[in-house]
């Protein structure tokens, strides 16, 4: 089975959610999530998430925009995969 780790797909999927958050009325780019495992929290925090509790994190609009700019600079176009 082909591995998809370390290809940026997690960041791309998160960026898609963030684009949707900017498009929604009253969301303004804020993304709130609960991780199933504590192992991915470090990844989210590396991207700019703030930890609320042991499994609850959120991205403010500035952090969301940075993730979008990094993983989907073309504004949601995923090419070459």
Protein backbone atom coordinates (compact mmCIF):
# COMPACT_ATOMS: atom_id res chain seq x y z
CA UNK A 1 0.00 0.00 0.00
CA UNK A 2 1.31 3.43 -0.94
CA UNK A 3 2.05 5.74 1.98
CA UNK A 4 0.62 9.26 1.90
CA UNK A 5 2.48 10.46 4.97
CA UNK A 6 4.79 13.47 4.64
CA UNK A 7 3.12 14.59 1.41
CA UNK A 8 1.21 17.52 2.91
CA UNK A 9 -2.26 16.04 2.53
CA UNK A 10 -3.16 16.68 6.18
CA UNK A 11 -2.28 20.35 5.80
CA UNK A 12 -4.17 20.55 2.50
CA UNK A 13 -7.32 19.05 4.01
CA UNK A 14 -7.10 21.41 6.95
CA UNK A 15 -6.62 24.35 4.56
CA UNK A 16 -9.80 23.35 2.67
CA UNK A 17 -11.74 23.46 5.95
CA UNK A 18 -10.21 26.87 6.68
CA UNK A 19 -11.17 28.25 3.27
CA UNK A 20 -14.71 27.10 3.98
CA UNK A 21 -14.59 28.82 7.37
CA UNK A 22 -13.66 32.13 5.74
CA UNK A 23 -16.56 31.68 3.30
CA UNK A 24 -19.12 31.08 6.05
CA UNK A 25 -20.96 33.94 7.66
CA UNK A 26 -19.75 34.64 11.22
CA UNK A 27 -16.92 32.05 11.14
CA UNK A 28 -14.24 34.47 9.90
CA UNK A 29 -11.62 31.76 9.48
CA UNK A 30 -11.84 30.35 12.99
CA UNK A 31 -11.55 26.56 13.09
CA UNK A 32 -12.20 24.53 16.22
CA UNK A 33 -11.34 20.84 16.42
CA UNK A 34 -11.07 17.94 18.80
CA UNK A 35 -8.31 15.45 18.06
CA UNK A 36 -8.89 11.75 18.62
CA UNK A 37 -5.31 11.19 19.67
CA UNK A 38 -2.81 13.41 21.40
CA UNK A 39 -0.18 12.48 18.81
CA UNK A 40 -1.48 14.89 16.17
CA UNK A 41 -1.70 17.86 18.51
CA UNK A 42 1.95 18.70 17.96
CA UNK A 43 1.29 18.86 14.20
CA UNK A 44 -1.67 21.19 14.71
CA UNK A 45 0.27 23.39 17.11
CA UNK A 46 3.14 23.55 14.61
CA UNK A 47 0.61 24.97 12.15
CA UNK A 48 -0.53 27.61 14.64
CA UNK A 49 -3.31 25.97 16.64
CA UNK A 50 -3.83 26.92 20.24
CA UNK A 51 -4.53 24.20 22.79
CA UNK A 52 -7.70 24.68 24.84
CA UNK A 53 -7.66 21.34 26.67
CA UNK A 54 -5.96 17.98 26.28
CA UNK A 55 -7.66 17.27 22.94
CA UNK A 56 -9.41 20.53 22.02
CA UNK A 57 -7.62 23.01 19.73
CA UNK A 58 -8.51 26.04 17.66
CA UNK A 59 -7.05 28.14 14.87
CA UNK A 60 -7.76 31.87 14.83
CA UNK A 61 -8.23 33.64 11.49
CA UNK A 62 -4.56 34.65 11.24
CA UNK A 63 -3.32 31.09 11.80
CA UNK A 64 -5.90 29.78 9.32
CA UNK A 65 -4.74 32.21 6.63
CA UNK A 66 -1.12 31.11 7.14
CA UNK A 67 -2.09 27.45 6.69
CA UNK A 68 -4.03 28.30 3.51
CA UNK A 69 -1.10 30.32 2.14
CA UNK A 70 1.32 27.49 2.89
CA UNK A 71 -0.67 24.47 1.71
CA UNK A 72 -3.05 25.91 -0.90
CA UNK A 73 -1.42 29.06 -2.30
CA UNK A 74 -3.56 28.77 -5.43
CA UNK A 75 -6.73 29.20 -3.35
CA UNK A 76 -7.99 25.64 -3.11
CA UNK A 77 -6.49 24.16 -6.26
CA UNK A 78 -4.78 20.85 -5.54
CA UNK A 79 -2.65 19.90 -8.52
CA UNK A 80 -0.14 17.18 -9.25
CA UNK A 81 -1.46 14.44 -7.01
